[in-house]
Amino acid sequence: MSDQAVMGGPMGQPPPTTDQPAGQGGLSSADQAMDKATEAAAATKQKATEATDAAKDKAGQLADQAGTKVDAGLDKAAGGLDKAADMLRGKGEQAGDPGGALPSAATKAAEKLDAASGYLKDKDSEQLIADLEALVRRKPVESLLVALGAGFLVSKAFK
């Protein structure tokens, strides 16, 4: 055996390899498949990002619309409380004795309704939710009892 055969070729260079098919720019079919898979993954990732962005935009629009509707509902509720307070005052005045217990109770209830109406008018839906969360954290048992009572009354109203 000659020295060139042992050393791999002339001047100690490694023997030529046959792993790469000729005529494909030096890339094997596995490398080409990997490149295509990488390109497909990038395209899929781009489409997923676009879809996610579109979904976020739509969710933001829906949240804004819901907030607007809730705020309109709060204004309507505040108006209803104002009307109820006025009605209570009128009934208290019709009750007779101006210094009696019934007119006094009606006036106090009307003042509470006015205060609640003012609160609803001054706050938006996000502030109300934050205030409600803070109240529930401060008084969880009382909040649960109020929720149960309200649920009972709503169930009776819809029967």
Protein backbone atom coordinates (compact mmCIF):
# COMPACT_ATOMS: atom_id res chain seq x y z
CA MET A 1 0.00 0.00 0.00
CA SER A 2 1.36 3.39 -0.88
CA ASP A 3 1.73 6.30 1.45
CA GLN A 4 -0.86 8.24 -0.52
CA ALA A 5 -3.53 5.58 0.03
CA VAL A 6 -2.89 5.52 3.78
CA MET A 7 -2.80 9.31 4.10
CA GLY A 8 -6.04 9.65 2.11
CA GLY A 9 -4.78 11.34 -1.02
CA PRO A 10 -2.02 13.53 -2.29
CA MET A 11 -0.43 15.86 0.24
CA GLY A 12 -2.33 14.41 3.23
CA GLN A 13 -5.78 15.65 2.15
CA PRO A 14 -8.79 13.60 3.17
CA PRO A 15 -10.32 11.33 0.57
CA PRO A 16 -13.33 12.76 -1.32
CA THR A 17 -16.70 11.97 0.25
CA THR A 18 -19.75 10.74 -1.59
CA ASP A 19 -22.38 11.84 1.00
CA GLN A 20 -23.53 14.86 -1.03
CA PRO A 21 -25.30 14.22 -4.31
CA ALA A 22 -23.92 16.13 -7.22
CA GLY A 23 -25.95 18.90 -8.88
CA GLN A 24 -27.92 20.06 -5.78
CA GLY A 25 -25.79 22.95 -4.67
CA GLY A 26 -24.04 20.84 -2.10
CA LEU A 27 -27.20 20.21 0.03
CA SER A 28 -28.37 16.72 0.83
CA SER A 29 -32.03 15.80 0.55
CA ALA A 30 -32.24 15.76 4.37
CA ASP A 31 -30.89 19.33 4.48
CA GLN A 32 -33.38 20.43 1.84
CA ALA A 33 -36.24 18.82 3.75
CA MET A 34 -35.08 20.54 6.92
CA ASP A 35 -34.99 23.91 5.12
CA LYS A 36 -38.52 23.39 3.77
CA ALA A 37 -39.76 22.40 7.23
CA THR A 38 -38.14 25.49 8.75
CA GLU A 39 -39.76 27.72 6.12
CA ALA A 40 -43.15 26.09 6.72
CA ALA A 41 -42.79 26.52 10.47
CA ALA A 42 -41.91 30.19 10.03
CA ALA A 43 -44.92 30.74 7.75
CA THR A 44 -47.20 28.97 10.22
CA LYS A 45 -45.81 31.01 13.09
CA GLN A 46 -46.41 34.23 11.12
CA LYS A 47 -50.02 33.24 10.37
CA ALA A 48 -50.60 32.30 14.02
CA THR A 49 -49.21 35.66 15.14
CA GLU A 50 -51.49 37.48 12.70
CA ALA A 51 -54.51 35.47 13.89
CA THR A 52 -53.63 36.16 17.53
CA ASP A 53 -53.30 39.88 16.85
CA ALA A 54 -56.64 39.92 15.05
CA ALA A 55 -58.28 38.07 17.95
CA LYS A 56 -56.80 40.52 20.46
CA ASP A 57 -58.08 43.46 18.43
CA LYS A 58 -61.56 41.95 18.23
CA ALA A 59 -61.56 41.17 21.97
CA GLY A 60 -60.54 44.75 22.70
CA GLN A 61 -63.36 46.07 20.53
CA LEU A 62 -65.88 43.80 22.25
CA ALA A 63 -64.61 44.84 25.68
CA ASP A 64 -64.98 48.50 24.74
CA GLN A 65 -68.52 47.89 23.49
CA ALA A 66 -69.42 45.98 26.65
CA GLY A 67 -67.98 48.75 28.82
CA THR A 68 -70.03 51.33 26.94
CA LYS A 69 -73.20 49.29 27.41
CA VAL A 70 -72.48 48.76 31.10
CA ASP A 71 -71.87 52.47 31.59
CA ALA A 72 -75.17 53.25 29.82
CA GLY A 73 -76.89 50.72 32.10
CA LEU A 74 -75.35 52.38 35.14
CA ASP A 75 -76.68 55.75 34.01
CA LYS A 76 -80.12 54.23 33.54
CA ALA A 77 -79.97 52.62 36.99
CA ALA A 78 -78.93 55.95 38.54
CA GLY A 79 -81.93 57.60 36.88
CA GLY A 80 -84.20 54.89 38.27
CA LEU A 81 -82.81 55.43 41.76
CA ASP A 82 -83.47 59.16 41.43
CA LYS A 83 -87.09 58.47 40.44
CA ALA A 84 -87.51 56.03 43.34
CA ALA A 85 -86.10 58.60 45.78
CA ASP A 86 -88.51 61.24 44.48
CA MET A 87 -91.41 58.82 44.75
CA LEU A 88 -90.45 57.94 48.33
CA ARG A 89 -90.29 61.60 49.29
CA GLY A 90 -93.71 62.16 47.77
CA LYS A 91 -95.21 59.19 49.60
CA GLY A 92 -93.60 60.35 52.85
CA GLU A 93 -95.13 63.80 52.45
CA GLN A 94 -98.53 62.27 51.73
CA ALA A 95 -98.33 60.10 54.84
CA GLY A 96 -99.50 62.92 57.02
CA ASP A 97 -97.63 63.78 60.20
CA PRO A 98 -94.50 65.67 58.97
CA GLY A 99 -92.52 64.84 62.11
CA GLY A 100 -93.73 61.24 62.31
CA ALA A 101 -91.77 58.06 61.92
CA LEU A 102 -93.05 57.17 58.42
CA PRO A 103 -92.13 60.46 56.73
CA SER A 104 -88.78 60.47 58.50
CA ALA A 105 -88.01 56.91 57.37
CA ALA A 106 -89.10 57.74 53.82
CA THR A 107 -86.83 60.80 53.79
CA LYS A 108 -83.86 58.78 55.07
CA ALA A 109 -84.46 56.05 52.49
CA ALA A 110 -84.74 58.68 49.75
CA GLU A 111 -81.43 60.20 50.86
CA LYS A 112 -79.77 56.78 50.67
CA LEU A 113 -81.17 56.26 47.19
CA ASP A 114 -79.90 59.69 46.16
CA ALA A 115 -76.45 58.81 47.51
CA ALA A 116 -76.45 55.53 45.60
CA SER A 117 -77.56 57.33 42.44
CA GLY A 118 -74.77 59.88 42.82
CA TYR A 119 -72.25 57.08 43.34
CA LEU A 120 -73.35 55.36 40.14
CA LYS A 121 -73.22 58.61 38.19
CA ASP A 122 -69.69 59.42 39.43
CA LYS A 123 -68.15 56.01 38.67
CA ASP A 124 -67.56 54.07 35.49
CA SER A 125 -67.80 50.29 35.20
CA GLU A 126 -64.08 49.66 35.84
CA GLN A 127 -64.12 51.75 39.02
CA LEU A 128 -67.26 49.98 40.24
CA ILE A 129 -65.68 46.57 39.69
CA ALA A 130 -62.54 47.63 41.56
CA ASP A 131 -64.66 48.98 44.44
CA LEU A 132 -66.73 45.80 44.53
CA GLU A 133 -63.61 43.61 44.59
CA ALA A 134 -62.19 45.66 47.46
CA LEU A 135 -65.46 45.37 49.40
CA VAL A 136 -65.63 41.60 48.90
CA ARG A 137 -62.03 41.26 50.11
CA ARG A 138 -62.76 43.35 53.20
CA LYS A 139 -66.06 41.62 54.05
CA PRO A 140 -66.27 38.20 52.38
CA VAL A 141 -68.97 36.69 54.62
CA GLU A 142 -71.28 39.68 54.37
CA SER A 143 -70.74 39.77 50.59
CA LEU A 144 -71.69 36.11 50.31
CA LEU A 145 -74.85 36.66 52.35
CA VAL A 146 -75.86 39.65 50.21
CA ALA A 147 -75.23 37.62 47.04
CA LEU A 148 -77.38 34.76 48.36
CA GLY A 149 -80.17 37.18 49.31
CA ALA A 150 -80.05 38.88 45.92
CA GLY A 151 -80.10 35.53 44.16
CA PHE A 152 -83.12 34.47 46.19
CA LEU A 153 -84.98 37.69 45.35
CA VAL A 154 -84.12 37.42 41.65
CA SER A 155 -85.30 33.80 41.57
CA LYS A 156 -88.62 34.81 43.16
CA ALA A 157 -89.02 37.72 40.73
CA PHE A 158 -88.66 35.46 37.68
CA LYS A 159 -91.10 32.75 38.84
